[in-house]
Amino acid sequence: MPLPPAPSAPVGGDAVAGDRTGAPPPAPPATAPEPAPTPGPTPARADTSVVVHVAGAVVRPGVVELPNGARVADAVAAAGGATDAAEPSAVNLARVLLDGEQVYLPTVGEAVPGAQAGPGAPAGPSPPAGQGPGAAGPPGDGDPGTAGGPVNLNTATAGVLDTLPGVGPAIAERIIQWRDLNGPFTSVDDLDAVAGIGPATMDRLRPLVTV
């Protein structure tokens, strides 16, 4: 009886044996995740506009925003242009505007304009001598001085109006706001429309103010 043939030796040795076991191939080594890029600082935005307060003899007094480098003439135009009573030659219309300043266009016959203003000061007439904050009043009554004439309601700053009897800081600001919203005062009697000014205060103010 013939003997059965001997089994042939496996080729590849351990590799074939490994295949027969069904073991999975080794996993590749893990790699650390790359760190996310850190955003750099955001560049600061350059100022591209200026905001100024246009007051006085213009059609629409108020706050306007203009491109950086705009001039006084541009501010007047943005406020509707000058009124018929304005004296444009009294201010430097070619001056470059500064952010936060006030541009004041006087009427014909108003005080000669002072130096053009920077932020926080009007670019127009300066109050007459004796009408600035802290000016001396007539002896004995403590009211604003009359040596330079009565206070002009259309050009006086809040600091000047504050020195008037019965006014104070709050009412002074209301006078400025009324002027900005309604345009120049046409009569001293217009003060009666300002909140906080009653008949008694009006009687005290009449000889001390003008328009």
N, C-alpha and C. Protein backbone atom coordinates (compact mmCIF):
# COMPACT_ATOMS: atom_id res chain seq x y z
N MET A 1 0.88 -1.20 0.00
CA MET A 1 0.00 0.00 0.00
C MET A 1 0.90 1.23 0.00
N PRO A 2 0.71 2.10 -1.02
CA PRO A 2 1.62 3.28 -1.11
C PRO A 2 1.36 4.27 0.03
N LEU A 3 2.47 4.93 0.44
CA LEU A 3 2.37 5.93 1.52
C LEU A 3 1.87 7.27 0.95
N PRO A 4 1.08 8.04 1.70
CA PRO A 4 0.63 9.38 1.20
C PRO A 4 1.81 10.34 1.11
N PRO A 5 1.76 11.23 0.15
CA PRO A 5 2.88 12.20 -0.03
C PRO A 5 3.00 13.12 1.19
N ALA A 6 4.24 13.41 1.52
CA ALA A 6 4.48 14.32 2.67
C ALA A 6 4.08 15.75 2.32
N PRO A 7 3.48 16.49 3.25
CA PRO A 7 3.09 17.91 2.96
C PRO A 7 4.32 18.76 2.67
N SER A 8 4.16 19.63 1.69
CA SER A 8 5.29 20.51 1.31
C SER A 8 5.47 21.59 2.38
N ALA A 9 6.71 22.02 2.52
CA ALA A 9 7.02 23.07 3.52
C ALA A 9 6.43 24.40 3.10
N PRO A 10 5.85 25.15 4.00
CA PRO A 10 5.27 26.47 3.63
C PRO A 10 6.35 27.44 3.20
N VAL A 11 6.03 28.23 2.19
CA VAL A 11 6.95 29.27 1.69
C VAL A 11 6.70 30.54 2.50
N GLY A 12 7.73 31.20 2.87
CA GLY A 12 7.56 32.45 3.62
C GLY A 12 7.52 32.23 5.08
N GLY A 13 7.55 31.05 5.54
CA GLY A 13 7.68 30.74 6.96
C GLY A 13 6.68 31.47 7.81
N ASP A 14 7.24 32.29 8.69
CA ASP A 14 6.42 33.00 9.68
C ASP A 14 5.39 33.91 9.04
N ALA A 15 5.74 34.52 7.87
CA ALA A 15 4.81 35.45 7.24
C ALA A 15 3.54 34.74 6.87
N VAL A 16 3.70 33.52 6.28
CA VAL A 16 2.50 32.80 5.89
C VAL A 16 1.73 32.38 7.11
N ALA A 17 2.51 31.92 8.11
CA ALA A 17 1.82 31.54 9.34
C ALA A 17 1.09 32.70 9.93
N GLY A 18 1.71 33.87 9.84
CA GLY A 18 1.03 35.07 10.38
C GLY A 18 -0.23 35.36 9.64
N ASP A 19 -0.19 35.13 8.31
CA ASP A 19 -1.39 35.40 7.54
C ASP A 19 -2.51 34.47 7.95
N ARG A 20 -2.12 33.21 8.28
CA ARG A 20 -3.14 32.25 8.65
C ARG A 20 -3.79 32.60 9.97
N THR A 21 -3.08 33.34 10.83
CA THR A 21 -3.67 33.70 12.13
C THR A 21 -4.70 34.81 12.02
N GLY A 22 -4.66 35.63 10.92
CA GLY A 22 -5.61 36.74 10.76
C GLY A 22 -5.28 37.97 11.57
N ALA A 23 -4.04 38.07 12.12
CA ALA A 23 -3.67 39.24 12.93
C ALA A 23 -3.55 40.47 12.04
N PRO A 24 -4.07 41.66 12.47
CA PRO A 24 -3.99 42.87 11.63
C PRO A 24 -2.56 43.38 11.57
N PRO A 25 -2.19 44.07 10.50
CA PRO A 25 -0.84 44.64 10.40
C PRO A 25 -0.66 45.72 11.46
N PRO A 26 0.56 45.94 11.91
CA PRO A 26 0.79 46.98 12.94
C PRO A 26 0.38 48.37 12.47
N ALA A 27 -0.23 49.16 13.36
CA ALA A 27 -0.67 50.53 13.01
C ALA A 27 0.53 51.45 12.89
N PRO A 28 0.47 52.46 11.99
CA PRO A 28 1.58 53.42 11.87
C PRO A 28 1.67 54.25 13.14
N PRO A 29 2.86 54.73 13.46
CA PRO A 29 3.01 55.55 14.68
C PRO A 29 2.19 56.83 14.62
N ALA A 30 1.57 57.20 15.74
CA ALA A 30 0.75 58.42 15.79
C ALA A 30 1.64 59.65 15.72
N THR A 31 1.14 60.70 15.02
CA THR A 31 1.87 61.98 14.91
C THR A 31 1.12 63.06 15.67
N ALA A 32 1.84 63.93 16.32
CA ALA A 32 1.22 65.03 17.08
C ALA A 32 0.59 66.03 16.12
N PRO A 33 -0.63 66.54 16.43
CA PRO A 33 -1.26 67.54 15.53
C PRO A 33 -0.46 68.84 15.52
N GLU A 34 -0.43 69.45 14.34
CA GLU A 34 0.28 70.72 14.20
C GLU A 34 -0.51 71.82 14.92
N PRO A 35 0.17 72.68 15.66
CA PRO A 35 -0.55 73.77 16.35
C PRO A 35 -1.16 74.74 15.36
N ALA A 36 -2.37 75.24 15.71
CA ALA A 36 -3.05 76.21 14.84
C ALA A 36 -2.27 77.51 14.82
N PRO A 37 -2.21 78.18 13.67
CA PRO A 37 -1.47 79.46 13.60
C PRO A 37 -2.11 80.51 14.49
N THR A 38 -1.29 81.25 15.18
CA THR A 38 -1.77 82.32 16.06
C THR A 38 -2.03 83.57 15.24
N PRO A 39 -3.28 84.11 15.29
CA PRO A 39 -3.55 85.32 14.51
C PRO A 39 -2.74 86.49 15.02
N GLY A 40 -2.26 87.28 14.09
CA GLY A 40 -1.48 88.46 14.45
C GLY A 40 -2.39 89.60 14.87
N PRO A 41 -1.83 90.66 15.40
CA PRO A 41 -2.64 91.81 15.82
C PRO A 41 -3.33 92.48 14.65
N THR A 42 -4.59 92.88 14.88
CA THR A 42 -5.34 93.58 13.84
C THR A 42 -4.84 95.01 13.71
N PRO A 43 -4.48 95.43 12.50
CA PRO A 43 -3.97 96.80 12.37
C PRO A 43 -5.03 97.82 12.71
N ALA A 44 -4.64 98.87 13.37
CA ALA A 44 -5.57 99.93 13.76
C ALA A 44 -6.12 100.63 12.53
N ARG A 45 -7.42 100.95 12.55
CA ARG A 45 -8.05 101.62 11.43
C ARG A 45 -7.72 103.11 11.46
N ALA A 46 -7.24 103.59 10.35
CA ALA A 46 -6.89 105.01 10.28
C ALA A 46 -8.16 105.85 10.28
N ASP A 47 -8.11 107.01 10.92
CA ASP A 47 -9.25 107.91 10.91
C ASP A 47 -9.49 108.39 9.48
N THR A 48 -10.72 108.25 9.04
CA THR A 48 -11.05 108.65 7.68
C THR A 48 -12.06 109.78 7.63
N SER A 49 -12.53 110.24 8.79
CA SER A 49 -13.52 111.31 8.79
C SER A 49 -13.35 112.18 10.02
N VAL A 50 -13.97 113.36 9.97
CA VAL A 50 -13.99 114.28 11.10
C VAL A 50 -15.44 114.64 11.38
N VAL A 51 -15.75 114.88 12.64
CA VAL A 51 -17.10 115.30 13.05
C VAL A 51 -16.99 116.69 13.65
N VAL A 52 -17.76 117.64 13.10
CA VAL A 52 -17.69 119.02 13.57
C VAL A 52 -19.10 119.55 13.82
N HIS A 53 -19.18 120.59 14.63
CA HIS A 53 -20.45 121.24 14.97
C HIS A 53 -20.51 122.56 14.21
N VAL A 54 -21.48 122.68 13.31
CA VAL A 54 -21.64 123.90 12.51
C VAL A 54 -22.78 124.71 13.11
N ALA A 55 -22.50 125.96 13.46
CA ALA A 55 -23.50 126.82 14.10
C ALA A 55 -23.45 128.21 13.47
N GLY A 56 -24.42 129.04 13.87
CA GLY A 56 -24.44 130.41 13.37
C GLY A 56 -25.36 130.56 12.18
N ALA A 57 -24.96 131.39 11.23
CA ALA A 57 -25.82 131.76 10.10
C ALA A 57 -25.74 130.73 8.97
N VAL A 58 -26.16 129.49 9.27
CA VAL A 58 -26.26 128.45 8.26
C VAL A 58 -27.70 127.93 8.24
N VAL A 59 -28.06 127.26 7.16
CA VAL A 59 -29.45 126.84 6.99
C VAL A 59 -29.84 125.75 7.99
N ARG A 60 -28.94 124.78 8.20
CA ARG A 60 -29.26 123.67 9.10
C ARG A 60 -28.13 123.52 10.12
N PRO A 61 -28.12 124.31 11.19
CA PRO A 61 -27.07 124.16 12.20
C PRO A 61 -27.12 122.77 12.83
N GLY A 62 -25.95 122.26 13.17
CA GLY A 62 -25.90 120.96 13.82
C GLY A 62 -24.57 120.28 13.60
N VAL A 63 -24.53 118.98 13.92
CA VAL A 63 -23.30 118.19 13.82
C VAL A 63 -23.27 117.49 12.46
N VAL A 64 -22.13 117.58 11.77
CA VAL A 64 -21.96 116.94 10.46
C VAL A 64 -20.68 116.11 10.46
N GLU A 65 -20.66 115.08 9.64
CA GLU A 65 -19.47 114.24 9.47
C GLU A 65 -18.94 114.42 8.07
N LEU A 66 -17.65 114.67 7.95
CA LEU A 66 -17.02 114.96 6.66
C LEU A 66 -15.75 114.12 6.52
N PRO A 67 -15.28 113.95 5.27
CA PRO A 67 -14.02 113.21 5.08
C PRO A 67 -12.85 113.93 5.73
N ASN A 68 -11.88 113.15 6.17
CA ASN A 68 -10.68 113.74 6.74
C ASN A 68 -10.01 114.62 5.70
N GLY A 69 -9.61 115.82 6.11
CA GLY A 69 -9.03 116.78 5.18
C GLY A 69 -10.02 117.79 4.63
N ALA A 70 -11.31 117.66 5.01
CA ALA A 70 -12.31 118.63 4.56
C ALA A 70 -12.02 120.00 5.17
N ARG A 71 -12.58 121.03 4.55
CA ARG A 71 -12.32 122.40 4.97
C ARG A 71 -13.59 123.06 5.51
N VAL A 72 -13.42 124.26 6.05
CA VAL A 72 -14.55 124.97 6.65
C VAL A 72 -15.67 125.16 5.63
N ALA A 73 -15.31 125.45 4.38
CA ALA A 73 -16.33 125.62 3.34
C ALA A 73 -17.16 124.36 3.16
N ASP A 74 -16.53 123.19 3.30
CA ASP A 74 -17.27 121.93 3.18
C ASP A 74 -18.26 121.77 4.34
N ALA A 75 -17.86 122.20 5.53
CA ALA A 75 -18.74 122.10 6.70
C ALA A 75 -19.96 123.00 6.53
N VAL A 76 -19.73 124.22 6.02
CA VAL A 76 -20.84 125.15 5.79
C VAL A 76 -21.81 124.57 4.76
N ALA A 77 -21.25 123.98 3.69
CA ALA A 77 -22.10 123.38 2.66
C ALA A 77 -22.89 122.20 3.21
N ALA A 78 -22.27 121.39 4.08
CA ALA A 78 -22.96 120.24 4.66
C ALA A 78 -24.09 120.67 5.58
N ALA A 79 -24.03 121.89 6.10
CA ALA A 79 -25.08 122.42 6.97
C ALA A 79 -26.13 123.19 6.18
N GLY A 80 -26.17 122.99 4.88
CA GLY A 80 -27.18 123.63 4.05
C GLY A 80 -26.75 124.92 3.42
N GLY A 81 -25.51 125.36 3.69
CA GLY A 81 -25.03 126.61 3.13
C GLY A 81 -25.31 127.79 4.04
N ALA A 82 -24.75 128.93 3.67
CA ALA A 82 -24.91 130.14 4.46
C ALA A 82 -26.28 130.78 4.22
N THR A 83 -26.81 131.44 5.24
CA THR A 83 -28.06 132.18 5.08
C THR A 83 -27.78 133.53 4.43
N ASP A 84 -28.85 134.23 4.08
CA ASP A 84 -28.68 135.55 3.46
C ASP A 84 -28.03 136.55 4.40
N ALA A 85 -28.16 136.32 5.71
CA ALA A 85 -27.60 137.26 6.68
C ALA A 85 -26.15 136.94 7.04
N ALA A 86 -25.59 135.89 6.46
CA ALA A 86 -24.24 135.45 6.85
C ALA A 86 -23.16 136.36 6.28
N GLU A 87 -22.01 136.34 6.95
CA GLU A 87 -20.83 137.07 6.50
C GLU A 87 -19.71 136.04 6.32
N PRO A 88 -19.69 135.28 5.18
CA PRO A 88 -18.70 134.22 5.01
C PRO A 88 -17.26 134.71 5.04
N SER A 89 -17.04 135.96 4.64
CA SER A 89 -15.67 136.46 4.61
C SER A 89 -15.10 136.65 6.02
N ALA A 90 -15.93 136.51 7.05
CA ALA A 90 -15.45 136.69 8.42
C ALA A 90 -14.69 135.47 8.93
N VAL A 91 -14.78 134.33 8.22
CA VAL A 91 -14.05 133.14 8.64
C VAL A 91 -13.18 132.66 7.49
N ASN A 92 -12.19 131.86 7.82
CA ASN A 92 -11.29 131.30 6.81
C ASN A 92 -11.91 130.02 6.25
N LEU A 93 -12.57 130.13 5.11
CA LEU A 93 -13.27 129.00 4.53
C LEU A 93 -12.33 127.92 4.01
N ALA A 94 -11.05 128.26 3.83
CA ALA A 94 -10.09 127.29 3.29
C ALA A 94 -9.38 126.50 4.37
N ARG A 95 -9.66 126.79 5.64
CA ARG A 95 -8.94 126.11 6.71
C ARG A 95 -9.37 124.65 6.81
N VAL A 96 -8.39 123.76 7.04
CA VAL A 96 -8.68 122.33 7.21
C VAL A 96 -9.33 122.10 8.58
N LEU A 97 -10.39 121.31 8.59
CA LEU A 97 -11.15 121.07 9.83
C LEU A 97 -10.41 120.13 10.77
N LEU A 98 -10.66 120.31 12.06
CA LEU A 98 -10.15 119.42 13.10
C LEU A 98 -11.32 118.68 13.73
N ASP A 99 -11.13 117.41 14.01
CA ASP A 99 -12.20 116.61 14.58
C ASP A 99 -12.64 117.16 15.94
N GLY A 100 -13.95 117.34 16.11
CA GLY A 100 -14.50 117.78 17.38
C GLY A 100 -14.62 119.28 17.55
N GLU A 101 -14.29 120.06 16.54
CA GLU A 101 -14.35 121.51 16.70
C GLU A 101 -15.73 122.07 16.36
N GLN A 102 -15.94 123.35 16.65
CA GLN A 102 -17.16 124.04 16.26
C GLN A 102 -16.82 125.08 15.21
N VAL A 103 -17.59 125.10 14.13
CA VAL A 103 -17.46 126.10 13.08
C VAL A 103 -18.63 127.06 13.23
N TYR A 104 -18.33 128.34 13.47
CA TYR A 104 -19.39 129.33 13.65
C TYR A 104 -19.32 130.34 12.52
N LEU A 105 -20.43 130.51 11.79
CA LEU A 105 -20.51 131.48 10.70
C LEU A 105 -21.29 132.69 11.20
N PRO A 106 -20.64 133.85 11.37
CA PRO A 106 -21.34 135.01 11.93
C PRO A 106 -22.23 135.68 10.89
N THR A 107 -23.09 136.55 11.39
CA THR A 107 -23.92 137.37 10.51
C THR A 107 -23.21 138.69 10.24
N VAL A 108 -23.72 139.41 9.27
CA VAL A 108 -23.14 140.71 8.92
C VAL A 108 -23.24 141.64 10.12
N GLY A 109 -22.13 142.27 10.49
CA GLY A 109 -22.11 143.20 11.59
C GLY A 109 -21.74 142.60 12.92
N GLU A 110 -21.55 141.27 12.98
CA GLU A 110 -21.12 140.66 14.24
C GLU A 110 -19.65 140.98 14.50
N ALA A 111 -19.20 140.65 15.72
CA ALA A 111 -17.83 140.97 16.13
C ALA A 111 -16.82 140.38 15.16
N VAL A 112 -15.67 141.04 15.05
CA VAL A 112 -14.60 140.56 14.19
C VAL A 112 -14.15 139.19 14.70
N PRO A 113 -14.05 138.17 13.82
CA PRO A 113 -13.68 136.84 14.30
C PRO A 113 -12.28 136.80 14.86
N GLY A 114 -12.11 135.95 15.88
CA GLY A 114 -10.79 135.76 16.46
C GLY A 114 -10.05 134.67 15.72
N ALA A 115 -9.05 134.09 16.38
CA ALA A 115 -8.27 133.03 15.75
C ALA A 115 -9.15 131.83 15.51
N GLN A 116 -8.86 131.11 14.41
CA GLN A 116 -9.62 129.91 14.10
C GLN A 116 -9.40 128.88 15.20
N ALA A 117 -10.46 128.18 15.53
CA ALA A 117 -10.44 127.35 16.74
C ALA A 117 -10.03 125.93 16.45
N GLY A 118 -9.56 125.26 17.49
CA GLY A 118 -9.30 123.83 17.45
C GLY A 118 -10.45 123.11 18.10
N PRO A 119 -10.27 121.81 18.42
CA PRO A 119 -11.36 121.05 19.03
C PRO A 119 -11.88 121.68 20.30
N GLY A 120 -13.22 121.77 20.39
CA GLY A 120 -13.84 122.27 21.61
C GLY A 120 -14.02 123.76 21.65
N ALA A 121 -13.61 124.48 20.60
CA ALA A 121 -13.77 125.92 20.59
C ALA A 121 -14.38 126.34 19.27
N PRO A 122 -15.17 127.42 19.22
CA PRO A 122 -15.82 127.82 17.98
C PRO A 122 -14.84 128.40 16.99
N ALA A 123 -15.06 128.08 15.68
CA ALA A 123 -14.23 128.66 14.63
C ALA A 123 -14.94 129.90 14.12
N GLY A 124 -15.02 130.92 14.92
CA GLY A 124 -15.73 132.13 14.57
C GLY A 124 -15.40 133.23 15.53
N PRO A 125 -16.32 134.16 15.73
CA PRO A 125 -16.04 135.32 16.57
C PRO A 125 -15.78 134.93 18.02
N SER A 126 -14.86 135.61 18.64
CA SER A 126 -14.64 135.45 20.07
C SER A 126 -15.55 136.41 20.81
N PRO A 127 -15.99 136.07 22.02
CA PRO A 127 -16.84 136.99 22.78
C PRO A 127 -16.12 138.30 23.01
N PRO A 128 -16.83 139.43 22.99
CA PRO A 128 -16.21 140.72 23.24
C PRO A 128 -15.55 140.75 24.61
N ALA A 129 -14.62 141.66 24.75
CA ALA A 129 -13.91 141.81 26.02
C ALA A 129 -14.90 142.03 27.15
N GLY A 130 -14.64 141.38 28.28
CA GLY A 130 -15.51 141.54 29.44
C GLY A 130 -16.65 140.57 29.48
N GLN A 131 -16.77 139.68 28.42
CA GLN A 131 -17.88 138.73 28.40
C GLN A 131 -17.42 137.30 28.56
N GLY A 132 -16.15 137.04 28.69
CA GLY A 132 -15.66 135.69 28.86
C GLY A 132 -15.94 135.19 30.26
N PRO A 133 -15.77 133.87 30.47
CA PRO A 133 -15.98 133.33 31.81
C PRO A 133 -15.05 133.99 32.82
N GLY A 134 -15.60 134.37 33.95
CA GLY A 134 -14.79 135.01 34.99
C GLY A 134 -14.64 136.49 34.81
N ALA A 135 -15.30 137.09 33.80
CA ALA A 135 -15.17 138.53 33.60
C ALA A 135 -15.78 139.27 34.78
N ALA A 136 -15.21 140.40 35.10
CA ALA A 136 -15.70 141.19 36.23
C ALA A 136 -17.01 141.85 35.89
N GLY A 137 -17.91 141.95 36.84
CA GLY A 137 -19.19 142.59 36.63
C GLY A 137 -19.21 143.97 37.26
N PRO A 138 -20.32 144.68 37.12
CA PRO A 138 -20.44 146.00 37.72
C PRO A 138 -20.28 145.89 39.23
N PRO A 139 -19.73 146.90 39.85
CA PRO A 139 -19.51 146.85 41.29
C PRO A 139 -20.81 146.60 42.03
N GLY A 140 -20.79 145.58 42.89
CA GLY A 140 -21.89 145.39 43.82
C GLY A 140 -22.95 144.43 43.40
N ASP A 141 -23.08 144.08 42.06
CA ASP A 141 -24.20 143.20 41.72
C ASP A 141 -23.76 141.83 41.23
N GLY A 142 -22.51 141.63 40.90
CA GLY A 142 -22.02 140.32 40.52
C GLY A 142 -22.48 139.84 39.16
N ASP A 143 -23.22 140.64 38.37
CA ASP A 143 -23.67 140.23 37.05
C ASP A 143 -22.54 140.40 36.04
N PRO A 144 -22.66 139.78 34.84
CA PRO A 144 -21.63 139.93 33.83
C PRO A 144 -21.39 141.40 33.51
N GLY A 145 -20.16 141.69 33.15
CA GLY A 145 -19.77 143.08 32.91
C GLY A 145 -20.50 143.68 31.73
N THR A 146 -20.72 144.95 31.78
CA THR A 146 -21.38 145.66 30.70
C THR A 146 -20.42 146.58 29.98
N ALA A 147 -19.14 146.59 30.39
CA ALA A 147 -18.19 147.47 29.74
C ALA A 147 -18.03 147.09 28.28
N GLY A 148 -18.11 145.78 27.95
CA GLY A 148 -17.98 145.35 26.56
C GLY A 148 -19.32 145.22 25.88
N GLY A 149 -20.40 145.65 26.48
CA GLY A 149 -21.72 145.53 25.89
C GLY A 149 -22.43 144.29 26.40
N PRO A 150 -23.72 144.15 26.08
CA PRO A 150 -24.48 142.98 26.52
C PRO A 150 -23.99 141.70 25.85
N VAL A 151 -24.34 140.57 26.42
CA VAL A 151 -23.93 139.26 25.89
C VAL A 151 -24.78 138.93 24.67
N ASN A 152 -24.12 138.56 23.57
CA ASN A 152 -24.83 138.18 22.35
C ASN A 152 -25.28 136.72 22.45
N LEU A 153 -26.57 136.50 22.44
CA LEU A 153 -27.11 135.14 22.59
C LEU A 153 -26.71 134.22 21.44
N ASN A 154 -26.35 134.79 20.30
CA ASN A 154 -26.01 133.97 19.13
C ASN A 154 -24.54 133.61 19.05
N THR A 155 -23.70 134.26 19.85
CA THR A 155 -22.27 133.97 19.79
C THR A 155 -21.70 133.50 21.12
N ALA A 156 -22.41 133.72 22.20
CA ALA A 156 -21.87 133.40 23.53
C ALA A 156 -21.73 131.90 23.71
N THR A 157 -20.67 131.50 24.36
CA THR A 157 -20.47 130.10 24.72
C THR A 157 -21.26 129.77 25.98
N ALA A 158 -21.32 128.48 26.29
CA ALA A 158 -22.02 128.06 27.51
C ALA A 158 -21.37 128.66 28.75
N GLY A 159 -20.04 128.81 28.71
CA GLY A 159 -19.34 129.39 29.86
C GLY A 159 -19.72 130.83 30.09
N VAL A 160 -19.93 131.59 29.00
CA VAL A 160 -20.34 132.99 29.14
C VAL A 160 -21.78 133.06 29.63
N LEU A 161 -22.67 132.25 29.03
CA LEU A 161 -24.08 132.28 29.43
C LEU A 161 -24.25 131.88 30.89
N ASP A 162 -23.37 131.01 31.36
CA ASP A 162 -23.43 130.54 32.75
C ASP A 162 -23.23 131.68 33.74
N THR A 163 -22.56 132.76 33.31
CA THR A 163 -22.29 133.88 34.21
C THR A 163 -23.49 134.81 34.34
N LEU A 164 -24.50 134.63 33.50
CA LEU A 164 -25.67 135.50 33.57
C LEU A 164 -26.52 135.16 34.80
N PRO A 165 -27.18 136.13 35.39
CA PRO A 165 -27.99 135.87 36.59
C PRO A 165 -29.18 134.97 36.27
N GLY A 166 -29.37 133.96 37.12
CA GLY A 166 -30.51 133.07 36.95
C GLY A 166 -30.34 132.01 35.88
N VAL A 167 -29.15 131.90 35.29
CA VAL A 167 -28.95 130.93 34.21
C VAL A 167 -28.32 129.65 34.75
N GLY A 168 -27.04 129.65 35.02
CA GLY A 168 -26.39 128.45 35.52
C GLY A 168 -26.02 127.49 34.39
N PRO A 169 -25.24 126.44 34.71
CA PRO A 169 -24.75 125.54 33.67
C PRO A 169 -25.85 124.82 32.89
N ALA A 170 -26.89 124.35 33.58
CA ALA A 170 -27.93 123.56 32.90
C ALA A 170 -28.70 124.41 31.90
N ILE A 171 -29.12 125.61 32.31
CA ILE A 171 -29.89 126.47 31.40
C ILE A 171 -28.98 126.99 30.29
N ALA A 172 -27.71 127.23 30.60
CA ALA A 172 -26.77 127.67 29.56
C ALA A 172 -26.69 126.63 28.45
N GLU A 173 -26.64 125.35 28.82
CA GLU A 173 -26.59 124.29 27.81
C GLU A 173 -27.90 124.24 27.02
N ARG A 174 -29.03 124.50 27.69
CA ARG A 174 -30.31 124.49 26.96
C ARG A 174 -30.37 125.64 25.95
N ILE A 175 -29.80 126.78 26.31
CA ILE A 175 -29.77 127.91 25.37
C ILE A 175 -28.96 127.54 24.14
N ILE A 176 -27.80 126.89 24.35
CA ILE A 176 -26.97 126.47 23.22
C ILE A 176 -27.73 125.45 22.37
N GLN A 177 -28.41 124.49 23.01
CA GLN A 177 -29.16 123.48 22.26
C GLN A 177 -30.29 124.11 21.47
N TRP A 178 -31.00 125.07 22.06
CA TRP A 178 -32.08 125.74 21.35
C TRP A 178 -31.53 126.45 20.11
N ARG A 179 -30.37 127.10 20.28
CA ARG A 179 -29.74 127.83 19.17
C ARG A 179 -29.32 126.87 18.06
N ASP A 180 -28.80 125.69 18.45
CA ASP A 180 -28.37 124.72 17.44
C ASP A 180 -29.55 124.15 16.67
N LEU A 181 -30.68 123.94 17.35
CA LEU A 181 -31.84 123.33 16.71
C LEU A 181 -32.66 124.31 15.90
N ASN A 182 -32.73 125.56 16.35
CA ASN A 182 -33.64 126.53 15.74
C ASN A 182 -32.94 127.65 14.99
N GLY A 183 -31.61 127.68 15.06
CA GLY A 183 -30.89 128.76 14.40
C GLY A 183 -30.71 129.95 15.33
N PRO A 184 -30.14 131.03 14.81
CA PRO A 184 -29.86 132.20 15.66
C PRO A 184 -31.12 132.77 16.29
N PHE A 185 -30.97 133.31 17.50
CA PHE A 185 -32.06 134.04 18.14
C PHE A 185 -32.35 135.29 17.32
N THR A 186 -33.62 135.56 17.07
CA THR A 186 -34.01 136.77 16.36
C THR A 186 -34.47 137.87 17.31
N SER A 187 -34.74 137.49 18.56
CA SER A 187 -35.18 138.45 19.57
C SER A 187 -34.83 137.90 20.94
N VAL A 188 -34.60 138.81 21.89
CA VAL A 188 -34.36 138.38 23.26
C VAL A 188 -35.56 137.61 23.79
N ASP A 189 -36.75 137.93 23.30
CA ASP A 189 -37.96 137.24 23.75
C ASP A 189 -37.94 135.75 23.43
N ASP A 190 -37.08 135.33 22.46
CA ASP A 190 -36.99 133.91 22.14
C ASP A 190 -36.51 133.09 23.33
N LEU A 191 -35.84 133.74 24.27
CA LEU A 191 -35.37 133.02 25.46
C LEU A 191 -36.52 132.41 26.25
N ASP A 192 -37.71 132.97 26.11
CA ASP A 192 -38.86 132.47 26.84
C ASP A 192 -39.20 131.04 26.44
N ALA A 193 -38.71 130.61 25.23
CA ALA A 193 -38.98 129.26 24.76
C ALA A 193 -38.01 128.24 25.33
N VAL A 194 -36.98 128.70 26.03
CA VAL A 194 -35.98 127.80 26.61
C VAL A 194 -36.49 127.31 27.97
N ALA A 195 -36.51 126.00 28.15
CA ALA A 195 -37.00 125.43 29.41
C ALA A 195 -36.18 125.93 30.59
N GLY A 196 -36.89 126.36 31.64
CA GLY A 196 -36.22 126.82 32.85
C GLY A 196 -36.10 128.32 32.97
N ILE A 197 -36.42 129.05 31.90
CA ILE A 197 -36.36 130.51 31.96
C ILE A 197 -37.79 131.03 32.12
N GLY A 198 -38.08 131.57 33.29
CA GLY A 198 -39.40 132.11 33.56
C GLY A 198 -39.43 133.62 33.47
N PRO A 199 -40.59 134.24 33.77
CA PRO A 199 -40.73 135.69 33.67
C PRO A 199 -39.72 136.45 34.52
N ALA A 200 -39.46 135.99 35.74
CA ALA A 200 -38.53 136.71 36.60
C ALA A 200 -37.12 136.70 36.02
N THR A 201 -36.69 135.54 35.51
CA THR A 201 -35.36 135.46 34.89
C THR A 201 -35.30 136.31 33.64
N MET A 202 -36.37 136.33 32.85
CA MET A 202 -36.40 137.15 31.64
C MET A 202 -36.20 138.62 31.99
N ASP A 203 -36.86 139.09 33.06
CA ASP A 203 -36.72 140.49 33.45
C ASP A 203 -35.29 140.83 33.82
N ARG A 204 -34.58 139.89 34.43
CA ARG A 204 -33.19 140.13 34.81
C ARG A 204 -32.25 140.08 33.61
N LEU A 205 -32.61 139.26 32.60
CA LEU A 205 -31.72 139.08 31.47
C LEU A 205 -31.86 140.14 30.39
N ARG A 206 -33.03 140.74 30.26
CA ARG A 206 -33.28 141.67 29.15
C ARG A 206 -32.20 142.75 29.00
N PRO A 207 -31.78 143.43 30.09
CA PRO A 207 -30.77 144.48 29.91
C PRO A 207 -29.36 143.93 29.72
N LEU A 208 -29.18 142.62 29.86
CA LEU A 208 -27.82 142.06 29.83
C LEU A 208 -27.52 141.27 28.57
N VAL A 209 -28.53 141.02 27.72
CA VAL A 209 -28.31 140.20 26.52
C VAL A 209 -28.82 140.92 25.29
N THR A 210 -28.35 140.45 24.15
CA THR A 210 -28.78 141.01 22.86
C THR A 210 -28.69 139.91 21.82
N VAL A 211 -29.14 140.22 20.58
CA VAL A 211 -29.05 139.26 19.47
C VAL A 211 -28.39 139.93 18.29
